Protein backbone atom coordinates (compact mmCIF):
# COMPACT_ATOMS: atom_id res chain seq x y z
CA UNK A 1 -24.47 5.94 -31.08
CA UNK A 2 -26.68 8.23 -29.06
CA UNK A 3 -25.55 6.62 -25.84
CA UNK A 4 -21.92 6.92 -26.96
CA UNK A 5 -22.33 10.61 -27.67
CA UNK A 6 -24.08 11.28 -24.34
CA UNK A 7 -21.92 9.03 -22.04
CA UNK A 8 -18.43 8.69 -23.58
CA UNK A 9 -16.69 8.62 -20.19
CA UNK A 10 -18.96 5.93 -18.79
CA UNK A 11 -18.59 3.78 -21.89
CA UNK A 12 -14.79 4.19 -21.92
CA UNK A 13 -14.57 3.31 -18.21
CA UNK A 14 -16.82 0.25 -18.66
CA UNK A 15 -14.71 -0.87 -21.59
CA UNK A 16 -11.49 -0.46 -19.59
CA UNK A 17 -12.95 -2.58 -16.73
CA UNK A 18 -13.76 -5.37 -19.17
CA UNK A 19 -10.60 -5.19 -21.34
CA UNK A 20 -8.34 -5.14 -18.26
CA UNK A 21 -9.77 -8.58 -17.41
CA UNK A 22 -7.93 -9.92 -20.52
CA UNK A 23 -4.54 -9.09 -18.90
CA UNK A 24 -5.22 -9.71 -15.18
CA UNK A 25 -2.65 -9.36 -12.42
CA UNK A 26 -2.41 -12.11 -9.87
CA UNK A 27 -3.99 -11.19 -6.48
CA UNK A 28 -0.72 -11.83 -4.64
CA UNK A 29 2.82 -12.66 -5.60
CA UNK A 30 5.92 -13.97 -3.90
CA UNK A 31 8.12 -10.88 -3.78
CA UNK A 32 11.29 -12.99 -3.97
CA UNK A 33 10.34 -14.94 -7.09
CA UNK A 34 7.54 -12.86 -8.69
CA UNK A 35 5.35 -16.01 -8.89
CA UNK A 36 1.62 -16.03 -7.98
CA UNK A 37 0.96 -17.34 -4.44
CA UNK A 38 -1.23 -20.44 -4.37
CA UNK A 39 -1.56 -21.02 -0.64
CA UNK A 40 -2.73 -17.57 0.46
CA UNK A 41 -5.46 -15.26 -0.74
CA UNK A 42 -7.22 -12.01 0.09
CA UNK A 43 -10.78 -11.96 1.35
CA UNK A 44 -12.64 -8.78 0.75
CA UNK A 45 -15.47 -7.65 3.15
CA UNK A 46 -18.97 -7.27 1.64
CA UNK A 47 -18.97 -3.49 1.85
CA UNK A 48 -15.48 -3.34 0.30
CA UNK A 49 -16.93 -5.07 -2.81
CA UNK A 50 -20.17 -3.09 -2.86
CA UNK A 51 -18.12 0.12 -2.84
CA UNK A 52 -15.36 -1.27 -5.06
CA UNK A 53 -14.86 1.87 -7.16
CA UNK A 54 -13.98 3.85 -4.06
CA UNK A 55 -12.23 0.97 -2.23
CA UNK A 56 -9.99 0.05 -5.15
CA UNK A 57 -9.17 3.70 -6.00
CA UNK A 58 -8.14 4.55 -2.45
CA UNK A 59 -6.00 1.41 -2.20
CA UNK A 60 -4.35 2.22 -5.51
CA UNK A 61 -3.52 5.76 -4.26
CA UNK A 62 -2.02 4.20 -1.09
CA UNK A 63 0.33 2.08 -3.18
CA UNK A 64 1.93 4.94 -5.19
CA UNK A 65 5.62 5.57 -4.72
CA UNK A 66 6.49 9.04 -3.66
CA UNK A 67 7.57 10.31 -7.06
CA UNK A 68 4.61 8.78 -8.82
CA UNK A 69 2.22 10.19 -6.14
CA UNK A 70 3.40 13.73 -6.97
CA UNK A 71 2.98 13.12 -10.68
CA UNK A 72 -0.40 11.50 -10.15
CA UNK A 73 -1.73 14.46 -8.13
CA UNK A 74 -0.23 17.14 -10.40
CA UNK A 75 -1.42 15.53 -13.62
CA UNK A 76 -5.00 15.04 -12.49
CA UNK A 77 -5.19 18.56 -11.02
CA UNK A 78 -4.09 20.01 -14.41
CA UNK A 79 -6.54 17.77 -16.38
CA UNK A 80 -9.53 18.49 -14.20
CA UNK A 81 -8.84 22.23 -14.07
CA UNK A 82 -8.42 22.45 -17.89
CA UNK A 83 -11.65 20.49 -18.45
CA UNK A 84 -13.48 22.70 -15.99
CA UNK A 85 -12.17 25.88 -17.60
CA UNK A 86 -13.24 24.99 -21.17
CA UNK A 87 -16.67 23.62 -20.41
CA UNK A 88 -19.54 26.06 -21.21
CA UNK A 89 -21.25 27.88 -18.39
CA UNK A 90 -21.33 31.07 -16.49
CA UNK A 91 -18.13 32.56 -15.04
CA UNK A 92 -19.28 31.59 -11.54
CA UNK A 93 -19.95 27.98 -12.61
CA UNK A 94 -16.66 27.60 -14.39
CA UNK A 95 -14.85 29.04 -11.31
CA UNK A 96 -16.63 26.53 -9.13
CA UNK A 97 -15.63 23.67 -11.43
CA UNK A 98 -12.03 24.85 -11.42
CA UNK A 99 -12.00 24.87 -7.64
CA UNK A 100 -13.43 21.36 -7.56
CA UNK A 101 -10.75 20.25 -10.03
CA UNK A 102 -8.10 21.66 -7.69
CA UNK A 103 -9.50 20.04 -4.61
CA UNK A 104 -10.80 16.70 -5.81
CA UNK A 105 -7.45 14.95 -6.22
CA UNK A 106 -6.23 16.29 -2.92
CA UNK A 107 -9.40 15.09 -1.20
CA UNK A 108 -8.90 11.59 -2.61
CA UNK A 109 -5.30 11.58 -1.45
CA UNK A 110 -6.42 12.66 2.05
CA UNK A 111 -9.16 9.98 2.06
CA UNK A 112 -6.60 7.28 1.15
CA UNK A 113 -4.57 8.21 4.23
CA UNK A 114 -7.28 8.97 6.74
CA UNK A 115 -10.71 7.56 5.71
CA UNK A 116 -11.66 4.43 7.79
CA UNK A 117 -12.96 1.77 5.41
CA UNK A 118 -13.11 -2.01 4.82
CA UNK A 119 -9.84 -3.60 3.81
CA UNK A 120 -8.70 -6.93 2.34
CA UNK A 121 -7.58 -9.64 4.71
CA UNK A 122 -4.93 -12.27 4.08
CA UNK A 123 -5.90 -15.85 4.67
CA UNK A 124 -3.46 -18.73 4.25
CA UNK A 125 -4.06 -22.45 4.14
CA UNK A 126 -0.52 -23.27 5.37
CA UNK A 127 -0.06 -24.88 8.77
CA UNK A 128 2.73 -24.16 11.24
CA UNK A 129 3.29 -20.56 10.04
CA UNK A 130 2.55 -17.11 11.48
CA UNK A 131 1.57 -14.06 9.37
CA UNK A 132 3.90 -11.32 10.65
CA UNK A 133 4.82 -7.67 10.09
CA UNK A 134 8.53 -7.04 10.84
CA UNK A 135 8.39 -3.23 10.86
CA UNK A 136 5.76 -0.89 12.28
CA UNK A 137 5.46 2.17 14.55
CA UNK A 138 3.36 3.74 17.28
CA UNK A 139 3.01 7.32 18.52
CA UNK A 140 6.37 6.83 20.32
CA UNK A 141 8.23 7.40 17.02
CA UNK A 142 8.90 11.04 16.14
CA UNK A 143 6.94 10.65 12.91
CA UNK A 144 4.19 8.38 14.31
CA UNK A 145 0.61 9.55 14.19
CA UNK A 146 -0.47 11.49 17.25
CA UNK A 147 -2.48 9.22 19.56
CA UNK A 148 -1.54 6.05 17.62
CA UNK A 149 -1.33 3.53 20.46
CA UNK A 150 -0.01 -0.02 20.51
CA UNK A 151 -3.67 -1.18 20.82
CA UNK A 152 -4.49 0.85 17.62
CA UNK A 153 -1.56 -0.71 15.80
CA UNK A 154 -2.63 -4.26 16.79
CA UNK A 155 -6.19 -3.69 15.56
CA UNK A 156 -4.85 -2.26 12.25
CA UNK A 157 -2.83 -5.43 11.77
CA UNK A 158 -5.52 -7.93 12.75
CA UNK A 159 -8.00 -6.48 10.25
CA UNK A 160 -5.63 -7.39 7.50
CA UNK A 161 -4.83 -10.90 8.57
CA UNK A 162 -1.60 -10.38 10.59
CA UNK A 163 -1.16 -12.70 13.59
CA UNK A 164 1.74 -10.77 15.17
CA UNK A 165 3.71 -7.55 14.59
CA UNK A 166 7.08 -6.25 15.64
CA UNK A 167 6.92 -2.71 17.01
CA UNK A 168 10.01 -0.89 15.81
CA UNK A 169 9.80 2.71 16.94
CA UNK A 170 12.68 4.98 16.01
CA UNK A 171 15.52 4.54 18.55
CA UNK A 172 13.05 3.57 21.32
CA UNK A 173 13.12 -0.13 22.12
CA UNK A 174 9.64 -1.64 22.53
CA UNK A 175 9.24 -4.33 25.13
CA UNK A 176 5.80 -3.79 26.65
CA UNK A 177 3.14 -6.16 27.73
CA UNK A 178 -0.02 -4.81 26.13
CA UNK A 179 -2.89 -6.84 27.58
CA UNK A 180 -5.59 -5.26 25.36
CA UNK A 181 -3.73 -5.94 22.13
CA UNK A 182 -5.76 -8.18 19.83
CA UNK A 183 -2.63 -9.82 18.43
CA UNK A 184 0.86 -10.27 19.95
CA UNK A 185 3.07 -7.17 19.72
CA UNK A 186 6.69 -8.23 19.56
CA UNK A 187 9.77 -6.41 20.82
CA UNK A 188 11.90 -4.47 18.40
CA UNK A 189 13.38 -1.09 17.48
CA UNK A 190 14.51 0.82 14.40
CA UNK A 191 17.99 2.32 15.00
CA UNK A 192 19.11 5.37 13.02
CA UNK A 193 22.78 5.14 12.32
CA UNK A 194 25.18 6.22 9.55
CA UNK A 195 22.90 6.84 6.52
CA UNK A 196 20.99 3.66 7.36
CA UNK A 197 18.10 2.40 9.49
CA UNK A 198 18.52 -1.00 11.10
CA UNK A 199 15.38 -2.96 12.09
CA UNK A 200 16.16 -4.88 15.26
CA UNK A 201 13.96 -7.94 16.05
CA UNK A 202 14.07 -8.90 19.71
CA UNK A 203 14.29 -7.28 23.08
CA UNK A 204 17.35 -5.00 23.45
CA UNK A 205 18.56 -2.28 25.74
CA UNK A 206 19.22 1.34 24.61
CA UNK A 207 22.84 2.17 24.06
CA UNK A 208 25.07 4.87 22.64
CA UNK A 209 24.71 4.98 18.82
CA UNK A 210 27.58 7.40 18.16
CA UNK A 211 30.18 4.71 17.28
CA UNK A 212 27.87 3.45 14.59
CA UNK A 213 26.93 6.86 13.17
CA UNK A 214 30.23 8.11 11.73
CA UNK A 215 30.93 5.98 8.65
CA UNK A 216 29.98 2.67 6.95
CA UNK A 217 32.71 0.55 8.61
CA UNK A 218 31.51 1.74 12.04
CA UNK A 219 27.83 1.31 11.17
CA UNK A 220 28.15 -2.37 10.16
CA UNK A 221 29.70 -3.15 13.60
CA UNK A 222 26.26 -2.52 15.03
CA UNK A 223 25.14 -5.94 13.73
CA UNK A 224 27.61 -7.76 16.05
CA UNK A 225 26.59 -5.55 18.97
CA UNK A 226 22.95 -6.55 18.48
CA UNK A 227 23.81 -10.22 18.26
CA UNK A 228 25.38 -10.02 21.73
CA UNK A 229 21.87 -9.05 23.00
CA UNK A 230 20.27 -12.00 21.12
CA UNK A 231 18.59 -9.84 18.49
CA UNK A 232 18.47 -9.92 14.67
CA UNK A 233 19.50 -7.00 12.46
CA UNK A 234 17.63 -6.27 9.24
CA UNK A 235 18.72 -3.55 6.81
CA UNK A 236 15.78 -1.25 6.05
CA UNK A 237 14.54 0.27 2.77
CA UNK A 238 15.05 2.68 1.22
CA UNK A 239 18.32 3.53 2.95
CA UNK A 240 20.49 0.60 1.88
CA UNK A 241 19.24 1.03 -1.73
CA UNK A 242 19.80 4.82 -1.88
CA UNK A 243 22.80 5.22 0.39
CA UNK A 244 24.70 1.89 0.64
CA UNK A 245 24.11 0.03 -2.67
CA UNK A 246 27.84 -0.58 -3.15
CA UNK A 247 28.30 -1.62 0.48
CA UNK A 248 26.00 -4.69 0.63
CA UNK A 249 28.95 -7.06 0.71
CA UNK A 250 30.21 -5.12 3.71
CA UNK A 251 26.76 -5.55 5.37
CA UNK A 252 27.01 -9.31 4.94
CA UNK A 253 30.61 -9.46 6.21
CA UNK A 254 29.51 -7.44 9.23
CA UNK A 255 26.87 -9.99 10.13
CA UNK A 256 23.56 -8.49 8.88
CA UNK A 257 20.72 -11.04 9.26
CA UNK A 258 18.59 -9.95 6.37
CA UNK A 259 17.25 -7.30 4.05
CA UNK A 260 13.86 -5.73 3.58
CA UNK A 261 12.79 -6.32 -0.07
CA UNK A 262 9.37 -4.63 0.11
CA UNK A 263 8.37 -1.65 2.24
CA UNK A 264 5.04 0.03 1.90
CA UNK A 265 6.25 3.53 2.69
CA UNK A 266 5.96 5.71 -0.41
CA UNK A 267 9.65 6.67 -0.32
CA UNK A 268 10.54 2.95 -0.48
CA UNK A 269 7.92 1.71 -3.01
CA UNK A 270 10.13 3.04 -5.81
CA UNK A 271 12.62 0.10 -5.30
CA UNK A 272 13.09 -1.30 -8.81
CA UNK A 273 12.44 -5.00 -9.51
CA UNK A 274 15.92 -5.51 -10.93
CA UNK A 275 17.50 -4.19 -7.74
CA UNK A 276 15.16 -6.31 -5.68
CA UNK A 277 16.27 -9.46 -7.61
CA UNK A 278 19.94 -8.66 -6.91
CA UNK A 279 19.28 -8.40 -3.13
CA UNK A 280 17.21 -11.57 -3.21
CA UNK A 281 20.03 -13.40 -4.99
CA UNK A 282 22.52 -12.16 -2.39
CA UNK A 283 20.28 -13.22 0.49
CA UNK A 284 19.76 -16.65 -1.09
CA UNK A 285 23.50 -17.23 -1.48
CA UNK A 286 24.22 -16.11 2.10
CA UNK A 287 21.12 -17.77 3.62
CA UNK A 288 19.81 -14.43 4.96
CA UNK A 289 16.21 -13.42 5.78
CA UNK A 290 14.26 -11.33 3.26
CA UNK A 291 11.33 -9.50 4.81
CA UNK A 292 8.42 -7.25 3.92
CA UNK A 293 7.36 -4.24 5.99
CA UNK A 294 4.17 -2.25 6.33
CA UNK A 295 6.20 0.52 7.97
CA UNK A 296 2.90 1.70 9.38
CA UNK A 297 3.10 4.93 11.36
CA UNK A 298 -0.66 5.29 11.87
CA UNK A 299 -1.31 6.73 8.43
CA UNK A 300 -3.06 4.72 5.71
CA UNK A 301 -5.57 1.92 6.02
CA UNK A 302 -4.02 -0.89 3.99
CA UNK A 303 -0.75 -2.78 3.77
CA UNK A 304 0.94 -3.86 0.53
CA UNK A 305 2.81 -6.85 2.04
CA UNK A 306 2.67 -9.73 4.51
CA UNK A 307 5.19 -12.25 5.84
CA UNK A 308 4.31 -15.88 6.09
CA UNK A 309 6.94 -16.95 8.61
CA UNK A 310 8.08 -20.21 10.14
CA UNK A 311 8.77 -20.18 13.87
CA UNK A 312 12.28 -18.98 14.70
CA UNK A 313 12.76 -17.67 11.12
CA UNK A 314 16.39 -16.90 10.51
CA UNK A 315 17.35 -18.06 7.02
CA UNK A 316 16.25 -17.39 3.46
CA UNK A 317 13.71 -20.26 3.27
CA UNK A 318 12.11 -19.46 6.59
CA UNK A 319 10.06 -16.40 5.49
CA UNK A 320 7.90 -15.87 2.43
CA UNK A 321 7.19 -12.22 1.50
CA UNK A 322 3.72 -11.98 -0.05
CA UNK A 323 2.83 -8.68 -1.74
CA UNK A 324 0.30 -6.86 -3.91
CA UNK A 325 1.59 -6.73 -7.50
CA UNK A 326 0.68 -3.06 -7.94
CA UNK A 327 3.15 -2.21 -5.16
CA UNK A 328 5.99 -4.23 -6.58
CA UNK A 329 6.04 -2.45 -9.99
CA UNK A 330 6.12 1.16 -8.77
CA UNK A 331 9.82 1.42 -9.41
CA UNK A 332 9.48 0.00 -12.91
CA UNK A 333 7.02 2.53 -14.30
CA UNK A 334 7.95 6.08 -15.28
CA UNK A 335 6.82 8.54 -12.65
CA UNK A 336 5.23 10.82 -15.25
CA UNK A 337 2.90 7.96 -16.31
CA UNK A 338 1.31 7.51 -12.89
CA UNK A 339 -1.96 9.42 -13.76
CA UNK A 340 -3.03 6.61 -16.10
CA UNK A 341 -0.70 3.68 -15.40
CA UNK A 342 -1.69 3.38 -11.71
CA UNK A 343 -5.36 3.23 -12.66
CA UNK A 344 -4.67 0.59 -15.29
CA UNK A 345 -2.73 -1.53 -12.85
CA UNK A 346 -5.67 -1.20 -10.42
CA UNK A 347 -8.16 -2.34 -13.03
CA UNK A 348 -5.99 -5.29 -13.96
CA UNK A 349 -5.96 -6.36 -10.33
CA UNK A 350 -9.74 -6.50 -9.92
CA UNK A 351 -11.50 -9.66 -8.99
CA UNK A 352 -14.72 -10.45 -10.89
CA UNK A 353 -17.01 -9.44 -7.95
CA UNK A 354 -15.22 -6.05 -8.00
CA UNK A 355 -15.65 -5.75 -11.75
CA UNK A 356 -19.37 -6.41 -11.41
CA UNK A 357 -19.54 -3.71 -8.77
CA UNK A 358 -17.72 -1.27 -11.00
CA UNK A 359 -20.02 -2.00 -13.92
CA UNK A 360 -23.08 -1.62 -11.73
CA UNK A 361 -22.02 1.77 -10.45
CA UNK A 362 -21.14 2.95 -13.94
CA UNK A 363 -24.57 1.87 -15.23
CA UNK A 364 -26.46 3.52 -12.33
CA UNK A 365 -24.59 6.81 -12.68
CA UNK A 366 -25.02 6.88 -16.47
CA UNK A 367 -28.79 6.16 -16.15
CA UNK A 368 -29.13 8.87 -13.52
CA UNK A 369 -27.30 11.45 -15.61
CA UNK A 370 -29.33 10.57 -18.67
CA UNK A 371 -32.68 11.24 -17.07
CA UNK A 372 -34.43 14.38 -18.44
CA UNK A 373 -35.20 16.94 -15.80
CA UNK A 374 -38.01 19.52 -15.78
CA UNK A 375 -36.90 23.11 -15.91
CA UNK A 376 -35.70 24.21 -12.53
CA UNK A 377 -35.77 20.62 -11.15
CA UNK A 378 -32.75 19.60 -9.02
CA UNK A 379 -31.34 16.17 -9.72
CA UNK A 380 -31.67 13.61 -7.04
CA UNK A 381 -31.97 9.91 -6.27
CA UNK A 382 -35.76 10.20 -6.65
CA UNK A 383 -35.50 10.84 -10.35
CA UNK A 384 -33.39 7.74 -10.81
CA UNK A 385 -35.73 5.65 -8.63
CA UNK A 386 -38.84 6.79 -10.56
CA UNK A 387 -37.24 6.06 -13.88
CA UNK A 388 -36.05 2.60 -12.77
CA UNK A 389 -39.58 1.98 -11.53
CA UNK A 390 -41.10 2.95 -14.93
CA UNK A 391 -38.62 0.71 -16.72
CA UNK A 392 -39.56 -2.20 -14.42
CA UNK A 393 -43.30 -1.68 -15.00
CA UNK A 394 -42.95 -1.35 -18.71
CA UNK A 395 -40.90 -4.55 -18.87
């Protein structure tokens, strides 16, 4: 009871880590079927597991949809500021706590986007396949990260298990030989036309987009124009979901080759599961590709999706979209619940080595905070080390 009174937060967090193991999420799922993936898995670097509380939290923040991200940040800022304001202490100390409450969620969000760190890597036991990304960007895109080179993009992909990546900068065809790239970078482009972005896979020349930028009937004629250059046309998220949901049959009639069904960009992560199933059913009936996209622009360290693709993929059965479950359910959870539901989803997705890491850090911090300090003594690692040493000797 004494421990409970002194460390309620630590005890509640440890209990959540353990209870969440009773309702675990699969490590990876097939985005088209929702079923766990048996022939691919994620390997986590040693330091990722050692620092699991930080690694997992930053990954979970990366996988928030845009609406849920705003609710997450706002809710935690309010909670931390209120807690800081009501805790006893001098006016100066309460003010400092309020400032920390304001800045801490923002600092975590910035770290999720910018902090270099170990990341999970996809490994598959299947033969005759290639792990691809069909949609990614360099500094050549208007919204690409400054200085984000093709070589940087290739390294980002290889760390996560990709064996090739299409470079699809906005309205700028990519067809470069990059000798220093650690994986093949494949030619592509993302065309911006009438209320829609079209991912083009294959080498194409630039051309006048104005005929395809006036209305939907004109836009879908772009697919045939791309076919004359030997390229594939994939409808990108979130545009077809938000702007052309009632036009998907027109996309098919115009010759679209496939649809993105998972895109890691925050504005596209809100794609609801029911809508995804409708697109998957349409693609299955018409034998069209379904694809996943990191949509990497140089921001963020982790992807939420991979493609396990057969050579010359063109039809529905030729590409398997493998995704992190926490990313697939963003559109199914109320945005206002993000402050707690995202963390619960994160805990449900932990592996047992990660759970052990979490529990170890919780215990160490609780022991440290529970050590009595002499008057005027500043807390530090030395206090914890001395107390652990005494405990060891007494045992």
